[in-house]
Amino acid sequence: MSKFMFIYHAPTTPADATPPDPEQMQEIMGRWMAWAGKVGDGMVDFGTPLDAGVRVSPDGGSSPSTRQVVGYSIIDVEDLDAALELARVHPHLTMPGGCEIEVHTVLPVPGM
């Protein structure tokens, strides 16, 4: 088994956008929970929404992130092919605006 991190990207939501109503939010979360059910015991960390990323440079400067990272999940599955299959059916990809998922292999830290 190998661990993989899913990094969720989405376009910035306009400040004047209407937030989803409770029924819409329940339906969206239902799709996410159904996906988590497909992952089953391989779900290491369901993750959480993220916002307002800041890049820190080696000189100590900071600036807003140029990539809108909106969340993550960590799963433990057989191999990269299995992780990609789960990514391809993830409900994040059905959200409006061109959402994407990056899949990264989680490598062990030497000596830990």
N, C-alpha and C. Protein backbone atom coordinates (compact mmCIF):
# COMPACT_ATOMS: atom_id res chain seq x y z
N MET A 1 0.84 -1.18 0.00
CA MET A 1 0.00 0.00 0.00
C MET A 1 0.89 1.25 0.00
N SER A 2 0.38 2.29 -0.62
CA SER A 2 1.11 3.56 -0.69
C SER A 2 0.16 4.70 -0.37
N LYS A 3 0.72 5.75 0.21
CA LYS A 3 -0.09 6.93 0.52
C LYS A 3 0.01 7.93 -0.62
N PHE A 4 -1.12 8.59 -0.87
CA PHE A 4 -1.20 9.62 -1.90
C PHE A 4 -1.95 10.81 -1.35
N MET A 5 -1.45 12.00 -1.71
CA MET A 5 -2.13 13.23 -1.32
C MET A 5 -2.86 13.78 -2.53
N PHE A 6 -4.15 14.05 -2.35
CA PHE A 6 -4.94 14.72 -3.36
C PHE A 6 -4.96 16.20 -2.99
N ILE A 7 -4.55 17.05 -3.90
CA ILE A 7 -4.60 18.49 -3.69
C ILE A 7 -5.66 19.05 -4.62
N TYR A 8 -6.65 19.70 -4.03
CA TYR A 8 -7.79 20.20 -4.79
C TYR A 8 -7.57 21.66 -5.18
N HIS A 9 -7.73 21.95 -6.48
CA HIS A 9 -7.63 23.31 -7.00
C HIS A 9 -9.00 23.72 -7.54
N ALA A 10 -9.31 24.99 -7.36
CA ALA A 10 -10.56 25.54 -7.89
C ALA A 10 -10.34 27.02 -8.15
N PRO A 11 -11.10 27.57 -9.08
CA PRO A 11 -10.98 29.01 -9.33
C PRO A 11 -11.47 29.79 -8.11
N THR A 12 -10.96 30.99 -7.98
CA THR A 12 -11.39 31.86 -6.89
C THR A 12 -12.88 32.18 -7.03
N THR A 13 -13.59 32.05 -5.93
CA THR A 13 -15.02 32.38 -5.93
C THR A 13 -15.16 33.89 -5.81
N PRO A 14 -15.92 34.51 -6.70
CA PRO A 14 -16.11 35.96 -6.59
C PRO A 14 -16.72 36.33 -5.25
N ALA A 15 -16.31 37.46 -4.71
CA ALA A 15 -16.79 37.91 -3.39
C ALA A 15 -18.30 38.08 -3.37
N ASP A 16 -18.91 38.40 -4.53
CA ASP A 16 -20.35 38.62 -4.55
C ASP A 16 -21.14 37.36 -4.92
N ALA A 17 -20.47 36.20 -4.96
CA ALA A 17 -21.15 34.94 -5.31
C ALA A 17 -22.08 34.53 -4.17
N THR A 18 -23.21 33.99 -4.55
CA THR A 18 -24.18 33.51 -3.57
C THR A 18 -23.72 32.16 -3.04
N PRO A 19 -23.58 32.04 -1.72
CA PRO A 19 -23.17 30.74 -1.18
C PRO A 19 -24.26 29.71 -1.38
N PRO A 20 -23.90 28.42 -1.42
CA PRO A 20 -24.92 27.39 -1.59
C PRO A 20 -25.90 27.40 -0.42
N ASP A 21 -27.15 27.10 -0.73
CA ASP A 21 -28.14 27.01 0.36
C ASP A 21 -27.94 25.67 1.08
N PRO A 22 -28.55 25.49 2.25
CA PRO A 22 -28.32 24.26 3.04
C PRO A 22 -28.61 22.97 2.27
N GLU A 23 -29.65 22.97 1.43
CA GLU A 23 -29.95 21.76 0.64
C GLU A 23 -28.84 21.47 -0.36
N GLN A 24 -28.35 22.51 -1.03
CA GLN A 24 -27.26 22.32 -1.99
C GLN A 24 -26.01 21.83 -1.27
N MET A 25 -25.72 22.41 -0.11
CA MET A 25 -24.53 22.00 0.64
C MET A 25 -24.65 20.55 1.10
N GLN A 26 -25.84 20.14 1.51
CA GLN A 26 -26.05 18.76 1.92
C GLN A 26 -25.84 17.81 0.74
N GLU A 27 -26.31 18.20 -0.44
CA GLU A 27 -26.15 17.37 -1.63
C GLU A 27 -24.67 17.26 -2.01
N ILE A 28 -23.94 18.38 -1.95
CA ILE A 28 -22.50 18.39 -2.26
C ILE A 28 -21.75 17.49 -1.28
N MET A 29 -22.01 17.65 0.00
CA MET A 29 -21.33 16.85 1.01
C MET A 29 -21.71 15.37 0.88
N GLY A 30 -22.93 15.10 0.46
CA GLY A 30 -23.34 13.71 0.22
C GLY A 30 -22.48 13.05 -0.85
N ARG A 31 -22.17 13.81 -1.92
CA ARG A 31 -21.32 13.27 -2.98
C ARG A 31 -19.90 13.03 -2.47
N TRP A 32 -19.39 13.96 -1.65
CA TRP A 32 -18.06 13.77 -1.08
C TRP A 32 -18.03 12.57 -0.15
N MET A 33 -19.05 12.39 0.66
CA MET A 33 -19.07 11.26 1.59
C MET A 33 -19.22 9.94 0.83
N ALA A 34 -19.96 9.94 -0.28
CA ALA A 34 -20.08 8.73 -1.09
C ALA A 34 -18.71 8.37 -1.67
N TRP A 35 -17.96 9.40 -2.11
CA TRP A 35 -16.61 9.14 -2.62
C TRP A 35 -15.73 8.57 -1.50
N ALA A 36 -15.81 9.16 -0.31
CA ALA A 36 -15.02 8.66 0.82
C ALA A 36 -15.38 7.21 1.12
N GLY A 37 -16.64 6.84 0.92
CA GLY A 37 -17.06 5.46 1.10
C GLY A 37 -16.36 4.52 0.12
N LYS A 38 -16.11 5.00 -1.10
CA LYS A 38 -15.37 4.19 -2.09
C LYS A 38 -13.93 3.97 -1.64
N VAL A 39 -13.36 4.98 -0.98
CA VAL A 39 -11.98 4.85 -0.49
C VAL A 39 -11.95 3.88 0.69
N GLY A 40 -13.00 3.88 1.50
CA GLY A 40 -13.11 2.95 2.63
C GLY A 40 -12.01 3.12 3.65
N ASP A 41 -11.44 2.01 4.09
CA ASP A 41 -10.41 2.02 5.13
C ASP A 41 -9.12 2.70 4.67
N GLY A 42 -9.01 2.97 3.38
CA GLY A 42 -7.82 3.64 2.86
C GLY A 42 -7.81 5.14 3.11
N MET A 43 -8.89 5.68 3.69
CA MET A 43 -8.94 7.11 3.98
C MET A 43 -8.05 7.39 5.20
N VAL A 44 -6.92 8.04 4.97
CA VAL A 44 -6.00 8.39 6.05
C VAL A 44 -6.43 9.71 6.68
N ASP A 45 -6.72 10.69 5.83
CA ASP A 45 -7.13 12.03 6.30
C ASP A 45 -8.08 12.59 5.25
N PHE A 46 -9.35 12.73 5.61
CA PHE A 46 -10.35 13.26 4.69
C PHE A 46 -9.96 14.66 4.24
N GLY A 47 -9.29 15.41 5.10
CA GLY A 47 -8.86 16.75 4.77
C GLY A 47 -9.84 17.80 5.26
N THR A 48 -9.63 19.00 4.80
CA THR A 48 -10.45 20.13 5.19
C THR A 48 -10.33 21.20 4.12
N PRO A 49 -11.30 22.09 4.01
CA PRO A 49 -11.15 23.20 3.07
C PRO A 49 -9.98 24.11 3.47
N LEU A 50 -9.35 24.69 2.48
CA LEU A 50 -8.25 25.63 2.69
C LEU A 50 -8.57 26.93 1.97
N ASP A 51 -7.97 28.03 2.46
CA ASP A 51 -8.21 29.33 1.84
C ASP A 51 -7.01 30.23 2.12
N ALA A 52 -6.86 31.25 1.32
CA ALA A 52 -5.90 32.34 1.54
C ALA A 52 -4.47 31.84 1.68
N GLY A 53 -4.01 31.06 0.69
CA GLY A 53 -2.63 30.59 0.71
C GLY A 53 -1.64 31.74 0.53
N VAL A 54 -0.51 31.63 1.21
CA VAL A 54 0.54 32.64 1.13
C VAL A 54 1.85 31.93 0.82
N ARG A 55 2.57 32.43 -0.18
CA ARG A 55 3.89 31.90 -0.53
C ARG A 55 4.94 32.64 0.27
N VAL A 56 5.89 31.92 0.84
CA VAL A 56 7.00 32.51 1.57
C VAL A 56 8.28 32.20 0.79
N SER A 57 9.05 33.23 0.47
CA SER A 57 10.27 33.04 -0.31
C SER A 57 11.48 32.93 0.62
N PRO A 58 12.61 32.43 0.09
CA PRO A 58 13.81 32.27 0.92
C PRO A 58 14.29 33.56 1.58
N ASP A 59 13.98 34.71 0.97
CA ASP A 59 14.42 35.97 1.57
C ASP A 59 13.47 36.46 2.66
N GLY A 60 12.43 35.66 2.95
CA GLY A 60 11.48 36.02 4.00
C GLY A 60 10.27 36.79 3.52
N GLY A 61 10.27 37.14 2.23
CA GLY A 61 9.13 37.85 1.68
C GLY A 61 7.94 36.92 1.53
N SER A 62 6.77 37.50 1.42
CA SER A 62 5.57 36.70 1.22
C SER A 62 4.65 37.39 0.23
N SER A 63 3.84 36.57 -0.43
CA SER A 63 2.87 37.07 -1.40
C SER A 63 1.74 36.06 -1.50
N PRO A 64 0.58 36.50 -1.97
CA PRO A 64 -0.53 35.54 -2.13
C PRO A 64 -0.13 34.39 -3.05
N SER A 65 -0.60 33.22 -2.76
CA SER A 65 -0.34 32.05 -3.59
C SER A 65 -0.90 32.29 -4.98
N THR A 66 -0.17 31.82 -6.00
CA THR A 66 -0.65 31.97 -7.37
C THR A 66 -1.54 30.81 -7.79
N ARG A 67 -1.63 29.78 -6.97
CA ARG A 67 -2.45 28.61 -7.28
C ARG A 67 -3.51 28.50 -6.21
N GLN A 68 -4.76 28.43 -6.57
CA GLN A 68 -5.84 28.38 -5.59
C GLN A 68 -6.01 26.95 -5.09
N VAL A 69 -5.34 26.62 -3.99
CA VAL A 69 -5.49 25.33 -3.34
C VAL A 69 -6.66 25.46 -2.37
N VAL A 70 -7.68 24.61 -2.55
CA VAL A 70 -8.89 24.75 -1.73
C VAL A 70 -9.09 23.59 -0.77
N GLY A 71 -8.20 22.58 -0.81
CA GLY A 71 -8.34 21.48 0.12
C GLY A 71 -7.39 20.35 -0.23
N TYR A 72 -7.45 19.29 0.57
CA TYR A 72 -6.59 18.13 0.38
C TYR A 72 -7.26 16.90 0.99
N SER A 73 -6.79 15.74 0.61
CA SER A 73 -7.12 14.47 1.25
C SER A 73 -5.88 13.59 1.15
N ILE A 74 -5.73 12.67 2.09
CA ILE A 74 -4.65 11.68 2.02
C ILE A 74 -5.29 10.30 2.07
N ILE A 75 -4.91 9.48 1.08
CA ILE A 75 -5.47 8.12 1.02
C ILE A 75 -4.32 7.11 0.99
N ASP A 76 -4.63 5.88 1.34
CA ASP A 76 -3.67 4.79 1.33
C ASP A 76 -4.28 3.69 0.47
N VAL A 77 -3.73 3.52 -0.73
CA VAL A 77 -4.26 2.53 -1.68
C VAL A 77 -3.10 1.73 -2.28
N GLU A 78 -3.44 0.75 -3.08
CA GLU A 78 -2.46 -0.19 -3.62
C GLU A 78 -1.33 0.48 -4.40
N ASP A 79 -1.69 1.39 -5.33
CA ASP A 79 -0.67 2.00 -6.18
C ASP A 79 -1.22 3.26 -6.83
N LEU A 80 -0.39 3.92 -7.64
CA LEU A 80 -0.78 5.16 -8.30
C LEU A 80 -2.00 4.96 -9.19
N ASP A 81 -2.08 3.84 -9.88
CA ASP A 81 -3.25 3.59 -10.74
C ASP A 81 -4.54 3.61 -9.93
N ALA A 82 -4.52 2.99 -8.75
CA ALA A 82 -5.71 2.97 -7.89
C ALA A 82 -6.04 4.38 -7.42
N ALA A 83 -5.02 5.16 -7.09
CA ALA A 83 -5.25 6.55 -6.66
C ALA A 83 -5.85 7.37 -7.79
N LEU A 84 -5.32 7.19 -9.00
CA LEU A 84 -5.84 7.95 -10.15
C LEU A 84 -7.29 7.56 -10.47
N GLU A 85 -7.62 6.29 -10.32
CA GLU A 85 -9.01 5.87 -10.55
C GLU A 85 -9.95 6.57 -9.56
N LEU A 86 -9.53 6.68 -8.31
CA LEU A 86 -10.36 7.38 -7.32
C LEU A 86 -10.44 8.87 -7.62
N ALA A 87 -9.35 9.44 -8.11
CA ALA A 87 -9.37 10.86 -8.47
C ALA A 87 -10.32 11.13 -9.63
N ARG A 88 -10.35 10.21 -10.59
CA ARG A 88 -11.19 10.41 -11.78
C ARG A 88 -12.69 10.42 -11.47
N VAL A 89 -13.09 9.82 -10.36
CA VAL A 89 -14.52 9.79 -10.01
C VAL A 89 -14.83 10.70 -8.82
N HIS A 90 -13.89 11.58 -8.48
CA HIS A 90 -14.07 12.47 -7.34
C HIS A 90 -15.07 13.57 -7.67
N PRO A 91 -15.98 13.89 -6.75
CA PRO A 91 -16.98 14.93 -7.03
C PRO A 91 -16.39 16.32 -7.19
N HIS A 92 -15.19 16.55 -6.73
CA HIS A 92 -14.56 17.87 -6.92
C HIS A 92 -14.48 18.22 -8.40
N LEU A 93 -14.28 17.22 -9.24
CA LEU A 93 -14.15 17.46 -10.68
C LEU A 93 -15.46 17.89 -11.34
N THR A 94 -16.58 17.71 -10.65
CA THR A 94 -17.88 18.10 -11.22
C THR A 94 -18.29 19.49 -10.78
N MET A 95 -17.49 20.14 -9.96
CA MET A 95 -17.83 21.49 -9.51
C MET A 95 -17.58 22.47 -10.65
N PRO A 96 -18.33 23.56 -10.68
CA PRO A 96 -18.19 24.51 -11.80
C PRO A 96 -16.87 25.28 -11.77
N GLY A 97 -16.43 25.69 -12.94
CA GLY A 97 -15.31 26.60 -13.04
C GLY A 97 -13.97 25.99 -13.38
N GLY A 98 -13.91 24.71 -13.65
CA GLY A 98 -12.63 24.11 -14.04
C GLY A 98 -11.80 23.62 -12.87
N CYS A 99 -12.41 22.91 -11.97
CA CYS A 99 -11.70 22.36 -10.82
C CYS A 99 -10.77 21.23 -11.26
N GLU A 100 -9.66 21.08 -10.54
CA GLU A 100 -8.68 20.05 -10.83
C GLU A 100 -8.22 19.38 -9.55
N ILE A 101 -7.64 18.20 -9.70
CA ILE A 101 -7.03 17.48 -8.58
C ILE A 101 -5.62 17.09 -8.98
N GLU A 102 -4.65 17.39 -8.12
CA GLU A 102 -3.29 16.87 -8.28
C GLU A 102 -3.17 15.67 -7.37
N VAL A 103 -2.52 14.62 -7.85
CA VAL A 103 -2.28 13.42 -7.04
C VAL A 103 -0.77 13.30 -6.87
N HIS A 104 -0.33 13.29 -5.60
CA HIS A 104 1.09 13.19 -5.29
C HIS A 104 1.35 11.97 -4.43
N THR A 105 2.43 11.25 -4.71
CA THR A 105 2.84 10.13 -3.87
C THR A 105 3.47 10.69 -2.61
N VAL A 106 3.05 10.19 -1.46
CA VAL A 106 3.62 10.59 -0.17
C VAL A 106 4.82 9.67 0.08
N LEU A 107 5.99 10.27 0.17
CA LEU A 107 7.21 9.50 0.37
C LEU A 107 7.60 9.48 1.85
N PRO A 108 8.21 8.40 2.29
CA PRO A 108 8.66 8.37 3.69
C PRO A 108 9.83 9.34 3.89
N VAL A 109 9.90 9.88 5.09
CA VAL A 109 11.02 10.75 5.45
C VAL A 109 12.15 9.87 5.96
N PRO A 110 13.33 9.95 5.34
CA PRO A 110 14.44 9.10 5.79
C PRO A 110 14.74 9.31 7.28
N GLY A 111 14.92 8.21 7.98
CA GLY A 111 15.28 8.28 9.38
C GLY A 111 14.12 8.52 10.32
N MET A 112 12.91 8.54 9.82
CA MET A 112 11.75 8.77 10.69
C MET A 112 10.80 7.61 10.62
